[in-house]
PDB file of N, CA and C in Angstrom:
ATOM      1  N   MET A   1      56.795  51.190  54.710  1.00  0.00           N
ATOM      2  CA  MET A   1      58.175  51.053  55.659  1.00  0.00           C
ATOM      3  C   MET A   1      57.991  52.524  56.189  1.00  0.00           C
ATOM      4  N   PRO A   2      58.218  52.390  57.752  1.00  0.00           N
ATOM      5  CA  PRO A   2      58.461  54.205  58.525  1.00  0.00           C
ATOM      6  C   PRO A   2      59.580  54.553  58.240  1.00  0.00           C
ATOM      7  N   PRO A   3      59.588  55.730  57.967  1.00  0.00           N
ATOM      8  CA  PRO A   3      60.580  56.449  57.742  1.00  0.00           C
ATOM      9  C   PRO A   3      62.012  56.389  58.552  1.00  0.00           C
ATOM     10  N   GLY A   4      63.180  56.323  57.652  1.00  0.00           N
ATOM     11  CA  GLY A   4      64.390  56.031  58.666  1.00  0.00           C
ATOM     12  C   GLY A   4      64.955  54.428  58.660  1.00  0.00           C
ATOM     13  N   THR A   5      63.602  53.654  58.406  1.00  0.00           N
ATOM     14  CA  THR A   5      63.873  51.942  58.389  1.00  0.00           C
ATOM     15  C   THR A   5      64.881  51.946  57.408  1.00  0.00           C
ATOM     16  N   ALA A   6      64.916  52.184  56.413  1.00  0.00           N
ATOM     17  CA  ALA A   6      66.161  51.856  55.259  1.00  0.00           C
ATOM     18  C   ALA A   6      67.505  52.170  55.463  1.00  0.00           C
ATOM     19  N   ALA A   7      67.810  53.345  56.169  1.00  0.00           N
ATOM     20  CA  ALA A   7      68.754  53.887  56.735  1.00  0.00           C
ATOM     21  C   ALA A   7      69.296  53.111  57.854  1.00  0.00           C
ATOM     22  N   ARG A   8      68.381  52.788  58.768  1.00  0.00           N
ATOM     23  CA  ARG A   8      68.173  52.201  59.971  1.00  0.00           C
ATOM     24  C   ARG A   8      69.311  50.577  59.648  1.00  0.00           C
ATOM     25  N   HIS A   9      68.622  49.997  58.652  1.00  0.00           N
ATOM     26  CA  HIS A   9      68.798  48.764  58.100  1.00  0.00           C
ATOM     27  C   HIS A   9      70.457  48.620  57.708  1.00  0.00           C
ATOM     28  N   GLU A  10      70.475  49.637  56.708  1.00  0.00           N
ATOM     29  CA  GLU A  10      71.966  49.995  56.091  1.00  0.00           C
ATOM     30  C   GLU A  10      72.932  50.001  57.002  1.00  0.00           C
ATOM     31  N   ARG A  11      72.679  51.104  58.057  1.00  0.00           N
ATOM     32  CA  ARG A  11      73.502  50.914  59.448  1.00  0.00           C
ATOM     33  C   ARG A  11      73.902  50.072  59.946  1.00  0.00           C
ATOM     34  N   GLY A  12      73.060  48.800  60.143  1.00  0.00           N
ATOM     35  CA  GLY A  12      73.248  47.770  60.861  1.00  0.00           C
ATOM     36  C   GLY A  12      74.104  46.729  59.723  1.00  0.00           C
ATOM     37  N   ARG A  13      73.402  46.716  58.365  1.00  0.00           N
ATOM     38  CA  ARG A  13      74.415  45.806  57.669  1.00  0.00           C
ATOM     39  C   ARG A  13      75.688  46.117  57.709  1.00  0.00           C
ATOM     40  N   ARG A  14      76.111  47.443  57.803  1.00  0.00           N
ATOM     41  CA  ARG A  14      77.478  47.895  57.760  1.00  0.00           C
ATOM     42  C   ARG A  14      77.900  47.768  58.969  1.00  0.00           C
ATOM     43  N   ALA A  15      77.623  47.779  59.917  1.00  0.00           N
ATOM     44  CA  ALA A  15      78.268  47.593  61.275  1.00  0.00           C
ATOM     45  C   ALA A  15      78.587  46.290  61.332  1.00  0.00           C
ATOM     46  N   GLU A  16      77.465  45.205  60.831  1.00  0.00           N
ATOM     47  CA  GLU A  16      77.796  44.019  60.947  1.00  0.00           C
ATOM     48  C   GLU A  16      78.992  43.536  60.163  1.00  0.00           C
ATOM     49  N   GLU A  17      79.190  44.267  58.937  1.00  0.00           N
ATOM     50  CA  GLU A  17      80.018  43.764  57.809  1.00  0.00           C
ATOM     51  C   GLU A  17      81.601  44.248  58.642  1.00  0.00           C
ATOM     52  N   LEU A  18      81.685  45.358  59.185  1.00  0.00           N
ATOM     53  CA  LEU A  18      82.933  45.837  59.854  1.00  0.00           C
ATOM     54  C   LEU A  18      83.179  45.225  60.992  1.00  0.00           C
ATOM     55  N   VAL A  19      82.414  44.814  61.674  1.00  0.00           N
ATOM     56  CA  VAL A  19      82.759  43.504  63.038  1.00  0.00           C
ATOM     57  C   VAL A  19      82.980  42.583  62.421  1.00  0.00           C
ATOM     58  N   ALA A  20      82.599  41.794  61.126  1.00  0.00           N
ATOM     59  CA  ALA A  20      82.944  40.543  60.701  1.00  0.00           C
ATOM     60  C   ALA A  20      84.545  40.706  60.145  1.00  0.00           C
ATOM     61  N   GLN A  21      84.838  42.132  59.533  1.00  0.00           N
ATOM     62  CA  GLN A  21      86.156  42.213  59.280  1.00  0.00           C
ATOM     63  C   GLN A  21      87.388  42.274  59.943  1.00  0.00           C
ATOM     64  N   ALA A  22      86.746  42.882  61.359  1.00  0.00           N
ATOM     65  CA  ALA A  22      87.471  43.149  62.447  1.00  0.00           C
ATOM     66  C   ALA A  22      87.653  41.696  62.962  1.00  0.00           C
ATOM     67  N   LEU A  23      86.915  40.887  63.282  1.00  0.00           N
ATOM     68  CA  LEU A  23      87.013  39.379  63.523  1.00  0.00           C
ATOM     69  C   LEU A  23      88.055  38.764  63.087  1.00  0.00           C
ATOM     70  N   ALA A  24      88.028  38.968  61.708  1.00  0.00           N
ATOM     71  CA  ALA A  24      88.688  38.007  60.669  1.00  0.00           C
ATOM     72  C   ALA A  24      90.061  38.168  60.778  1.00  0.00           C
ATOM     73  N   GLY A  25      90.051  39.681  60.917  1.00  0.00           N
ATOM     74  CA  GLY A  25      91.546  40.249  61.153  1.00  0.00           C
ATOM     75  C   GLY A  25      92.408  40.022  62.329  1.00  0.00           C
ATOM     76  N   ARG A  26      91.469  39.325  63.310  1.00  0.00           N
ATOM     77  CA  ARG A  26      91.974  38.920  64.530  1.00  0.00           C
ATOM     78  C   ARG A  26      91.963  37.202  64.709  1.00  0.00           C
ATOM     79  N   GLY A  27      91.915  36.715  63.636  1.00  0.00           N
ATOM     80  CA  GLY A  27      91.932  35.416  63.543  1.00  0.00           C
ATOM     81  C   GLY A  27      90.748  34.576  63.862  1.00  0.00           C
ATOM     82  N   TYR A  28      89.639  35.012  63.676  1.00  0.00           N
ATOM     83  CA  TYR A  28      88.239  34.402  63.886  1.00  0.00           C
ATOM     84  C   TYR A  28      87.899  33.611  62.685  1.00  0.00           C
ATOM     85  N   GLU A  29      87.433  32.616  62.534  1.00  0.00           N
ATOM     86  CA  GLU A  29      86.921  32.096  61.491  1.00  0.00           C
ATOM     87  C   GLU A  29      85.190  32.480  61.476  1.00  0.00           C
ATOM     88  N   ILE A  30      84.801  33.356  60.524  1.00  0.00           N
ATOM     89  CA  ILE A  30      83.159  33.402  60.612  1.00  0.00           C
ATOM     90  C   ILE A  30      82.640  32.309  59.947  1.00  0.00           C
ATOM     91  N   VAL A  31      81.826  31.923  60.751  1.00  0.00           N
ATOM     92  CA  VAL A  31      81.018  30.776  60.452  1.00  0.00           C
ATOM     93  C   VAL A  31      79.533  31.181  59.870  1.00  0.00           C
ATOM     94  N   GLY A  32      79.028  32.374  60.328  1.00  0.00           N
ATOM     95  CA  GLY A  32      77.902  32.536  59.847  1.00  0.00           C
ATOM     96  C   GLY A  32      77.414  33.892  59.841  1.00  0.00           C
ATOM     97  N   ARG A  33      76.668  34.490  59.093  1.00  0.00           N
ATOM     98  CA  ARG A  33      75.834  35.859  59.512  1.00  0.00           C
ATOM     99  C   ARG A  33      74.379  36.013  59.212  1.00  0.00           C
ATOM    100  N   ASN A  34      73.734  36.580  60.139  1.00  0.00           N
ATOM    101  CA  ASN A  34      72.343  36.745  59.724  1.00  0.00           C
ATOM    102  C   ASN A  34      71.381  35.516  59.917  1.00  0.00           C
ATOM    103  N   ILE A  35      72.020  34.802  61.044  1.00  0.00           N
ATOM    104  CA  ILE A  35      71.327  33.460  61.321  1.00  0.00           C
ATOM    105  C   ILE A  35      70.293  33.188  61.593  1.00  0.00           C
ATOM    106  N   ARG A  36      69.153  32.857  60.979  1.00  0.00           N
ATOM    107  CA  ARG A  36      67.765  32.559  61.335  1.00  0.00           C
ATOM    108  C   ARG A  36      67.425  31.491  62.085  1.00  0.00           C
ATOM    109  N   VAL A  37      66.957  31.324  63.376  1.00  0.00           N
ATOM    110  CA  VAL A  37      66.541  30.468  64.332  1.00  0.00           C
ATOM    111  C   VAL A  37      64.942  30.212  64.225  1.00  0.00           C
ATOM    112  N   GLY A  38      64.237  30.014  63.353  1.00  0.00           N
ATOM    113  CA  GLY A  38      62.673  30.279  63.678  1.00  0.00           C
ATOM    114  C   GLY A  38      62.609  32.039  63.307  1.00  0.00           C
ATOM    115  N   SER A  39      61.975  32.564  64.536  1.00  0.00           N
ATOM    116  CA  SER A  39      61.799  34.080  64.326  1.00  0.00           C
ATOM    117  C   SER A  39      63.120  34.581  65.126  1.00  0.00           C
ATOM    118  N   LEU A  40      64.111  34.061  65.446  1.00  0.00           N
ATOM    119  CA  LEU A  40      65.215  34.655  66.120  1.00  0.00           C
ATOM    120  C   LEU A  40      66.284  34.910  65.204  1.00  0.00           C
ATOM    121  N   GLU A  41      67.277  35.384  65.459  1.00  0.00           N
ATOM    122  CA  GLU A  41      68.303  35.841  64.665  1.00  0.00           C
ATOM    123  C   GLU A  41      69.437  35.929  65.411  1.00  0.00           C
ATOM    124  N   ILE A  42      70.687  35.181  64.708  1.00  0.00           N
ATOM    125  CA  ILE A  42      71.824  35.754  65.421  1.00  0.00           C
ATOM    126  C   ILE A  42      73.068  36.329  64.384  1.00  0.00           C
ATOM    127  N   ASP A  43      73.712  37.577  64.977  1.00  0.00           N
ATOM    128  CA  ASP A  43      74.346  38.407  63.814  1.00  0.00           C
ATOM    129  C   ASP A  43      75.170  37.710  63.429  1.00  0.00           C
ATOM    130  N   ILE A  44      76.041  37.331  64.284  1.00  0.00           N
ATOM    131  CA  ILE A  44      77.682  36.630  63.811  1.00  0.00           C
ATOM    132  C   ILE A  44      77.880  35.400  64.610  1.00  0.00           C
ATOM    133  N   LEU A  45      78.203  34.665  64.131  1.00  0.00           N
ATOM    134  CA  LEU A  45      78.644  33.569  64.462  1.00  0.00           C
ATOM    135  C   LEU A  45      80.277  33.220  64.074  1.00  0.00           C
ATOM    136  N   ALA A  46      81.044  33.278  65.229  1.00  0.00           N
ATOM    137  CA  ALA A  46      82.583  33.384  64.778  1.00  0.00           C
ATOM    138  C   ALA A  46      83.374  32.222  65.509  1.00  0.00           C
ATOM    139  N   ARG A  47      84.038  31.406  65.006  1.00  0.00           N
ATOM    140  CA  ARG A  47      85.153  30.797  65.778  1.00  0.00           C
ATOM    141  C   ARG A  47      86.647  30.964  66.133  1.00  0.00           C
ATOM    142  N   ILE A  48      87.111  30.904  67.328  1.00  0.00           N
ATOM    143  CA  ILE A  48      88.371  31.098  67.640  1.00  0.00           C
ATOM    144  C   ILE A  48      88.550  30.027  68.505  1.00  0.00           C
ATOM    145  N   GLY A  49      89.379  28.832  67.681  1.00  0.00           N
ATOM    146  CA  GLY A  49      89.948  27.851  68.596  1.00  0.00           C
ATOM    147  C   GLY A  49      88.542  26.911  68.782  1.00  0.00           C
ATOM    148  N   ALA A  50      88.697  26.523  70.072  1.00  0.00           N
ATOM    149  CA  ALA A  50      87.298  25.512  70.441  1.00  0.00           C
ATOM    150  C   ALA A  50      86.110  26.416  70.886  1.00  0.00           C
ATOM    151  N   VAL A  51      86.268  27.765  70.502  1.00  0.00           N
ATOM    152  CA  VAL A  51      85.199  28.448  71.216  1.00  0.00           C
ATOM    153  C   VAL A  51      84.370  28.997  70.102  1.00  0.00           C
ATOM    154  N   LEU A  52      82.824  28.826  69.867  1.00  0.00           N
ATOM    155  CA  LEU A  52      81.944  29.183  69.036  1.00  0.00           C
ATOM    156  C   LEU A  52      81.289  30.536  69.647  1.00  0.00           C
ATOM    157  N   ALA A  53      81.747  31.633  69.051  1.00  0.00           N
ATOM    158  CA  ALA A  53      81.210  33.226  69.773  1.00  0.00           C
ATOM    159  C   ALA A  53      80.173  33.571  69.077  1.00  0.00           C
ATOM    160  N   VAL A  54      78.991  34.101  69.710  1.00  0.00           N
ATOM    161  CA  VAL A  54      77.807  34.251  69.091  1.00  0.00           C
ATOM    162  C   VAL A  54      77.900  35.671  69.580  1.00  0.00           C
ATOM    163  N   VAL A  55      77.828  36.495  68.535  1.00  0.00           N
ATOM    164  CA  VAL A  55      78.274  37.618  68.577  1.00  0.00           C
ATOM    165  C   VAL A  55      76.937  38.716  68.212  1.00  0.00           C
ATOM    166  N   GLU A  56      76.196  39.591  69.194  1.00  0.00           N
ATOM    167  CA  GLU A  56      75.369  40.369  68.922  1.00  0.00           C
ATOM    168  C   GLU A  56      76.201  42.014  68.475  1.00  0.00           C
ATOM    169  N   VAL A  57      75.407  42.427  67.399  1.00  0.00           N
ATOM    170  CA  VAL A  57      76.207  43.705  66.849  1.00  0.00           C
ATOM    171  C   VAL A  57      74.993  44.600  67.231  1.00  0.00           C
ATOM    172  N   ARG A  58      75.712  45.696  67.587  1.00  0.00           N
ATOM    173  CA  ARG A  58      74.429  47.075  67.925  1.00  0.00           C
ATOM    174  C   ARG A  58      75.457  48.427  67.552  1.00  0.00           C
ATOM    175  N   THR A  59      74.348  49.112  66.918  1.00  0.00           N
ATOM    176  CA  THR A  59      75.292  50.701  66.759  1.00  0.00           C
ATOM    177  C   THR A  59      74.320  51.523  67.510  1.00  0.00           C
ATOM    178  N   ARG A  60      74.843  52.889  67.311  1.00  0.00           N
ATOM    179  CA  ARG A  60      74.518  53.791  67.473  1.00  0.00           C
ATOM    180  C   ARG A  60      74.896  55.095  67.405  1.00  0.00           C
ATOM    181  N   GLY A  61      74.308  56.400  66.932  1.00  0.00           N
ATOM    182  CA  GLY A  61      74.864  57.398  66.639  1.00  0.00           C
ATOM    183  C   GLY A  61      74.907  58.195  67.567  1.00  0.00           C
ATOM    184  N   ARG A  62      75.445  59.618  67.652  1.00  0.00           N
ATOM    185  CA  ARG A  62      75.749  60.561  68.454  1.00  0.00           C
ATOM    186  C   ARG A  62      73.937  60.982  68.933  1.00  0.00           C
ATOM    187  N   GLY A  63      74.039  61.271  69.993  1.00  0.00           N
ATOM    188  CA  GLY A  63      72.790  61.771  70.739  1.00  0.00           C
ATOM    189  C   GLY A  63      71.752  60.575  71.086  1.00  0.00           C
ATOM    190  N   SER A  64      72.302  59.509  71.109  1.00  0.00           N
ATOM    191  CA  SER A  64      71.453  57.951  71.367  1.00  0.00           C
ATOM    192  C   SER A  64      70.867  58.109  72.735  1.00  0.00           C
ATOM    193  N   TRP A  65      69.895  57.840  73.462  1.00  0.00           N
ATOM    194  CA  TRP A  65      69.911  57.730  74.787  1.00  0.00           C
ATOM    195  C   TRP A  65      70.665  56.635  75.719  1.00  0.00           C
ATOM    196  N   THR A  66      71.076  55.716  74.797  1.00  0.00           N
ATOM    197  CA  THR A  66      71.919  54.634  75.801  1.00  0.00           C
ATOM    198  C   THR A  66      72.891  54.140  74.719  1.00  0.00           C
ATOM    199  N   SER A  67      74.261  53.621  75.108  1.00  0.00           N
ATOM    200  CA  SER A  67      75.185  53.185  74.152  1.00  0.00           C
ATOM    201  C   SER A  67      74.684  51.914  73.648  1.00  0.00           C
ATOM    202  N   ALA A  68      75.469  51.318  72.761  1.00  0.00           N
ATOM    203  CA  ALA A  68      75.205  50.387  71.886  1.00  0.00           C
ATOM    204  C   ALA A  68      75.133  49.121  73.094  1.00  0.00           C
ATOM    205  N   THR A  69      76.353  49.122  73.685  1.00  0.00           N
ATOM    206  CA  THR A  69      76.500  47.985  74.486  1.00  0.00           C
ATOM    207  C   THR A  69      74.984  47.810  75.647  1.00  0.00           C
ATOM    208  N   ALA A  70      74.715  48.749  75.706  1.00  0.00           N
ATOM    209  CA  ALA A  70      73.661  48.914  77.017  1.00  0.00           C
ATOM    210  C   ALA A  70      72.159  48.305  76.736  1.00  0.00           C
ATOM    211  N   SER A  71      72.122  48.599  75.090  1.00  0.00           N
ATOM    212  CA  SER A  71      70.879  48.275  74.434  1.00  0.00           C
ATOM    213  C   SER A  71      70.630  46.656  74.600  1.00  0.00           C
ATOM    214  N   VAL A  72      71.456  46.185  74.938  1.00  0.00           N
ATOM    215  CA  VAL A  72      71.305  44.212  74.665  1.00  0.00           C
ATOM    216  C   VAL A  72      70.838  44.192  75.974  1.00  0.00           C
ATOM    217  N   THR A  73      69.489  44.327  76.087  1.00  0.00           N
ATOM    218  CA  THR A  73      68.917  44.188  77.269  1.00  0.00           C
ATOM    219  C   THR A  73      68.719  42.346  77.696  1.00  0.00           C
ATOM    220  N   ALA A  74      68.417  42.083  78.958  1.00  0.00           N
ATOM    221  CA  ALA A  74      68.010  40.943  79.382  1.00  0.00           C
ATOM    222  C   ALA A  74      66.941  40.240  78.425  1.00  0.00           C
ATOM    223  N   THR A  75      66.064  40.892  77.757  1.00  0.00           N
ATOM    224  CA  THR A  75      65.097  40.007  76.654  1.00  0.00           C
ATOM    225  C   THR A  75      65.855  39.515  75.601  1.00  0.00           C
ATOM    226  N   LYS A  76      66.712  40.578  75.247  1.00  0.00           N
ATOM    227  CA  LYS A  76      67.432  40.305  73.649  1.00  0.00           C
ATOM    228  C   LYS A  76      68.416  39.282  74.094  1.00  0.00           C
ATOM    229  N   GLN A  77      69.267  39.367  75.374  1.00  0.00           N
ATOM    230  CA  GLN A  77      70.224  38.156  75.660  1.00  0.00           C
ATOM    231  C   GLN A  77      69.619  36.984  75.879  1.00  0.00           C
ATOM    232  N   ARG A  78      68.334  36.606  76.249  1.00  0.00           N
ATOM    233  CA  ARG A  78      67.390  35.644  76.025  1.00  0.00           C
ATOM    234  C   ARG A  78      67.081  35.122  75.212  1.00  0.00           C
ATOM    235  N   ARG A  79      66.774  35.982  74.200  1.00  0.00           N
ATOM    236  CA  ARG A  79      66.553  35.469  72.865  1.00  0.00           C
ATOM    237  C   ARG A  79      67.825  35.024  72.208  1.00  0.00           C
ATOM    238  N   VAL A  80      68.892  35.437  72.193  1.00  0.00           N
ATOM    239  CA  VAL A  80      69.848  35.151  71.549  1.00  0.00           C
ATOM    240  C   VAL A  80      70.622  33.954  72.370  1.00  0.00           C
ATOM    241  N   ARG A  81      70.231  33.907  73.405  1.00  0.00           N
ATOM    242  CA  ARG A  81      70.501  32.300  74.264  1.00  0.00           C
ATOM    243  C   ARG A  81      69.949  31.475  73.644  1.00  0.00           C
ATOM    244  N   ASP A  82      68.491  31.714  73.764  1.00  0.00           N
ATOM    245  CA  ASP A  82      67.606  30.601  73.260  1.00  0.00           C
ATOM    246  C   ASP A  82      68.051  29.923  71.569  1.00  0.00           C
ATOM    247  N   ALA A  83      68.298  30.894  70.604  1.00  0.00           N
ATOM    248  CA  ALA A  83      68.924  30.640  69.304  1.00  0.00           C
ATOM    249  C   ALA A  83      69.888  29.858  69.225  1.00  0.00           C
ATOM    250  N   ALA A  84      70.915  30.479  69.948  1.00  0.00           N
ATOM    251  CA  ALA A  84      71.959  29.730  70.474  1.00  0.00           C
ATOM    252  C   ALA A  84      71.850  28.192  70.755  1.00  0.00           C
ATOM    253  N   SER A  85      71.177  27.920  71.656  1.00  0.00           N
ATOM    254  CA  SER A  85      71.129  26.871  72.080  1.00  0.00           C
ATOM    255  C   SER A  85      70.378  25.703  71.226  1.00  0.00           C
ATOM    256  N   VAL A  86      69.465  26.164  70.538  1.00  0.00           N
ATOM    257  CA  VAL A  86      68.878  25.226  69.440  1.00  0.00           C
ATOM    258  C   VAL A  86      70.171  25.284  68.312  1.00  0.00           C
ATOM    259  N   LEU A  87      70.735  26.140  67.816  1.00  0.00           N
ATOM    260  CA  LEU A  87      72.036  25.506  66.896  1.00  0.00           C
ATOM    261  C   LEU A  87      73.326  24.605  67.688  1.00  0.00           C
ATOM    262  N   TRP A  88      73.498  25.233  69.018  1.00  0.00           N
ATOM    263  CA  TRP A  88      74.169  24.125  69.467  1.00  0.00           C
ATOM    264  C   TRP A  88      73.974  22.853  69.500  1.00  0.00           C
ATOM    265  N   ALA A  89      72.644  22.585  70.183  1.00  0.00           N
ATOM    266  CA  ALA A  89      71.766  21.405  69.904  1.00  0.00           C
ATOM    267  C   ALA A  89      71.852  20.853  68.565  1.00  0.00           C
ATOM    268  N   SER A  90      71.438  21.428  67.535  1.00  0.00           N
ATOM    269  CA  SER A  90      71.469  20.638  66.010  1.00  0.00           C
ATOM    270  C   SER A  90      72.588  20.654  65.431  1.00  0.00           C
ATOM    271  N   ARG A  91      73.751  21.565  65.673  1.00  0.00           N
ATOM    272  CA  ARG A  91      74.893  21.377  64.729  1.00  0.00           C
ATOM    273  C   ARG A  91      76.029  21.232  65.731  1.00  0.00           C
ATOM    274  N   PHE A  92      76.258  22.201  66.338  1.00  0.00           N
ATOM    275  CA  PHE A  92      77.689  22.442  66.689  1.00  0.00           C
ATOM    276  C   PHE A  92      78.038  21.311  67.972  1.00  0.00           C
ATOM    277  N   SER A  93      77.176  20.883  68.741  1.00  0.00           N
ATOM    278  CA  SER A  93      77.462  19.947  69.776  1.00  0.00           C
ATOM    279  C   SER A  93      78.487  18.764  69.131  1.00  0.00           C
ATOM    280  N   LYS A  94      77.619  18.645  68.031  1.00  0.00           N
ATOM    281  CA  LYS A  94      78.126  17.204  66.927  1.00  0.00           C
ATOM    282  C   LYS A  94      79.979  17.417  66.825  1.00  0.00           C
ATOM    283  N   ASP A  95      80.220  18.511  67.189  1.00  0.00           N
ATOM    284  CA  ASP A  95      81.968  18.965  66.512  1.00  0.00           C
ATOM    285  C   ASP A  95      82.546  19.126  67.520  1.00  0.00           C
ATOM    286  N   PRO A  96      83.265  17.650  67.634  1.00  0.00           N
ATOM    287  CA  PRO A  96      84.276  17.683  68.834  1.00  0.00           C
ATOM    288  C   PRO A  96      85.794  18.841  68.718  1.00  0.00           C
ATOM    289  N   THR A  97      85.638  19.495  68.272  1.00  0.00           N
ATOM    290  CA  THR A  97      86.871  20.415  68.010  1.00  0.00           C
ATOM    291  C   THR A  97      86.295  21.840  68.901  1.00  0.00           C
ATOM    292  N   LEU A  98      85.144  21.682  69.124  1.00  0.00           N
ATOM    293  CA  LEU A  98      84.513  23.124  69.761  1.00  0.00           C
ATOM    294  C   LEU A  98      83.866  22.495  71.370  1.00  0.00           C
ATOM    295  N   GLU A  99      84.563  23.483  72.144  1.00  0.00           N
ATOM    296  CA  GLU A  99      84.163  22.950  73.601  1.00  0.00           C
ATOM    297  C   GLU A  99      83.045  23.827  74.007  1.00  0.00           C
ATOM    298  N   ARG A 100      82.858  25.121  73.889  1.00  0.00           N
ATOM    299  CA  ARG A 100      81.784  25.943  74.512  1.00  0.00           C
ATOM    300  C   ARG A 100      81.145  26.801  73.366  1.00  0.00           C
ATOM    301  N   VAL A 101      80.145  27.793  73.998  1.00  0.00           N
ATOM    302  CA  VAL A 101      80.118  29.128  73.356  1.00  0.00           C
ATOM    303  C   VAL A 101      80.216  29.945  74.038  1.00  0.00           C
ATOM    304  N   ARG A 102      80.415  31.188  73.753  1.00  0.00           N
ATOM    305  CA  ARG A 102      80.398  32.251  74.258  1.00  0.00           C
ATOM    306  C   ARG A 102      79.925  33.445  73.615  1.00  0.00           C
ATOM    307  N   PHE A 103      78.921  34.411  74.718  1.00  0.00           N
ATOM    308  CA  PHE A 103      78.324  35.452  74.134  1.00  0.00           C
ATOM    309  C   PHE A 103      79.064  36.771  73.959  1.00  0.00           C
ATOM    310  N   ASP A 104      79.552  37.114  72.985  1.00  0.00           N
ATOM    311  CA  ASP A 104      79.799  38.394  72.952  1.00  0.00           C
ATOM    312  C   ASP A 104      78.721  39.676  72.337  1.00  0.00           C
ATOM    313  N   VAL A 105      79.276  41.008  72.687  1.00  0.00           N
ATOM    314  CA  VAL A 105      79.065  42.054  72.184  1.00  0.00           C
ATOM    315  C   VAL A 105      79.598  42.735  71.469  1.00  0.00           C
ATOM    316  N   ALA A 106      79.280  43.175  70.168  1.00  0.00           N
ATOM    317  CA  ALA A 106      80.263  44.308  69.370  1.00  0.00           C
ATOM    318  C   ALA A 106      79.290  45.311  69.049  1.00  0.00           C
ATOM    319  N   SER A 107      80.061  46.603  69.885  1.00  0.00           N
ATOM    320  CA  SER A 107      79.484  47.995  69.793  1.00  0.00           C
ATOM    321  C   SER A 107      80.387  49.205  68.690  1.00  0.00           C
ATOM    322  N   VAL A 108      79.053  49.458  67.575  1.00  0.00           N
ATOM    323  CA  VAL A 108      79.819  50.064  66.676  1.00  0.00           C
ATOM    324  C   VAL A 108      78.808  51.525  66.874  1.00  0.00           C
ATOM    325  N   ASN A 109      79.801  52.558  67.108  1.00  0.00           N
ATOM    326  CA  ASN A 109      79.446  53.848  67.358  1.00  0.00           C
ATOM    327  C   ASN A 109      79.930  54.523  66.430  1.00  0.00           C
ATOM    328  N   LEU A 110      78.720  55.432  65.779  1.00  0.00           N
ATOM    329  CA  LEU A 110      79.661  56.319  65.024  1.00  0.00           C
ATOM    330  C   LEU A 110      79.559  57.855  65.445  1.00  0.00           C
ATOM    331  N   ASP A 111      80.887  58.497  65.067  1.00  0.00           N
ATOM    332  CA  ASP A 111      81.291  59.805  65.638  1.00  0.00           C
ATOM    333  C   ASP A 111      80.430  60.877  64.818  1.00  0.00           C
ATOM    334  N   ALA A 112      80.761  62.099  64.262  1.00  0.00           N
ATOM    335  CA  ALA A 112      80.194  62.961  63.843  1.00  0.00           C
ATOM    336  C   ALA A 112      80.472  63.237  62.752  1.00  0.00           C
ATOM    337  N   THR A 113      81.562  62.838  62.029  1.00  0.00           N
ATOM    338  CA  THR A 113      82.048  62.500  60.605  1.00  0.00           C
ATOM    339  C   THR A 113      81.393  60.971  59.963  1.00  0.00           C
ATOM    340  N   GLY A 114      80.596  60.454  60.765  1.00  0.00           N
ATOM    341  CA  GLY A 114      80.090  58.986  60.218  1.00  0.00           C
ATOM    342  C   GLY A 114      81.203  58.049  60.637  1.00  0.00           C
ATOM    343  N   GLU A 115      82.607  57.970  61.135  1.00  0.00           N
ATOM    344  CA  GLU A 115      83.638  57.051  60.963  1.00  0.00           C
ATOM    345  C   GLU A 115      83.257  56.418  62.507  1.00  0.00           C
ATOM    346  N   PRO A 116      83.093  54.716  61.992  1.00  0.00           N
ATOM    347  CA  PRO A 116      82.760  53.692  63.157  1.00  0.00           C
ATOM    348  C   PRO A 116      83.854  53.467  64.213  1.00  0.00           C
ATOM    349  N   GLU A 117      83.821  53.352  65.478  1.00  0.00           N
ATOM    350  CA  GLU A 117      84.673  52.675  66.383  1.00  0.00           C
ATOM    351  C   GLU A 117      84.042  51.926  66.986  1.00  0.00           C
ATOM    352  N   ILE A 118      84.511  50.796  66.915  1.00  0.00           N
ATOM    353  CA  ILE A 118      84.202  49.190  67.146  1.00  0.00           C
ATOM    354  C   ILE A 118      84.835  48.793  68.433  1.00  0.00           C
ATOM    355  N   SER A 119      83.758  48.352  69.663  1.00  0.00           N
ATOM    356  CA  SER A 119      84.142  48.136  70.899  1.00  0.00           C
ATOM    357  C   SER A 119      83.691  46.770  70.799  1.00  0.00           C
ATOM    358  N   TYR A 120      84.585  45.839  71.521  1.00  0.00           N
ATOM    359  CA  TYR A 120      84.257  44.382  71.615  1.00  0.00           C
ATOM    360  C   TYR A 120      84.480  43.869  73.173  1.00  0.00           C
ATOM    361  N   LEU A 121      83.134  43.277  73.525  1.00  0.00           N
ATOM    362  CA  LEU A 121      83.497  42.794  74.736  1.00  0.00           C
ATOM    363  C   LEU A 121      83.100  41.129  74.743  1.00  0.00           C
ATOM    364  N   GLU A 122      84.351  40.186  74.969  1.00  0.00           N
ATOM    365  CA  GLU A 122      83.967  38.914  74.817  1.00  0.00           C
ATOM    366  C   GLU A 122      83.051  38.713  76.316  1.00  0.00           C
ATOM    367  N   ALA A 123      82.478  37.159  76.307  1.00  0.00           N
ATOM    368  CA  ALA A 123      81.785  37.011  77.133  1.00  0.00           C
ATOM    369  C   ALA A 123      80.885  38.440  78.177  1.00  0.00           C
ATOM    370  N   ALA A 124      80.230  39.137  76.971  1.00  0.00           N
ATOM    371  CA  ALA A 124      79.706  39.894  77.667  1.00  0.00           C
ATOM    372  C   ALA A 124      78.422  39.702  78.712  1.00  0.00           C
ATOM    373  N   TYR A 125      77.573  38.486  78.616  1.00  0.00           N
ATOM    374  CA  TYR A 125      77.035  37.880  79.357  1.00  0.00           C
ATOM    375  C   TYR A 125      76.927  36.294  79.459  1.00  0.00           C
ATOM    376  N   VAL A 126      76.051  35.686  80.150  1.00  0.00           N
ATOM    377  CA  VAL A 126      76.032  34.403  80.046  1.00  0.00           C
ATOM    378  C   VAL A 126      74.288  33.717  79.649  1.00  0.00           C
TER     379      VAL A 126
END
């Protein structure tokens, strides 16, 4: 394993946990976390009313070249959409209480003390 990989995975796991807690506190039902669809992964699936939110969680520390939100490239968006499309067709389209899927991005930035700051963008991309 390359140097820093374990620490990066732990930061990502912590960020996903913080985002899931924040969403639950805002009334979202957490449907799943780290959902594998073939080689693709969805960080968090959360439901609010008739909307299924597909949440990509990104984290960055001080000195990063790009913001966490900006790191969700067009390629990453396509991969998340592809995974969500498979899940919708195979599982969620059969639920009459769900009307649509929304793609959100949660950005977890760590300040100098390591304290997280969460920014959440609903409908960040289509």
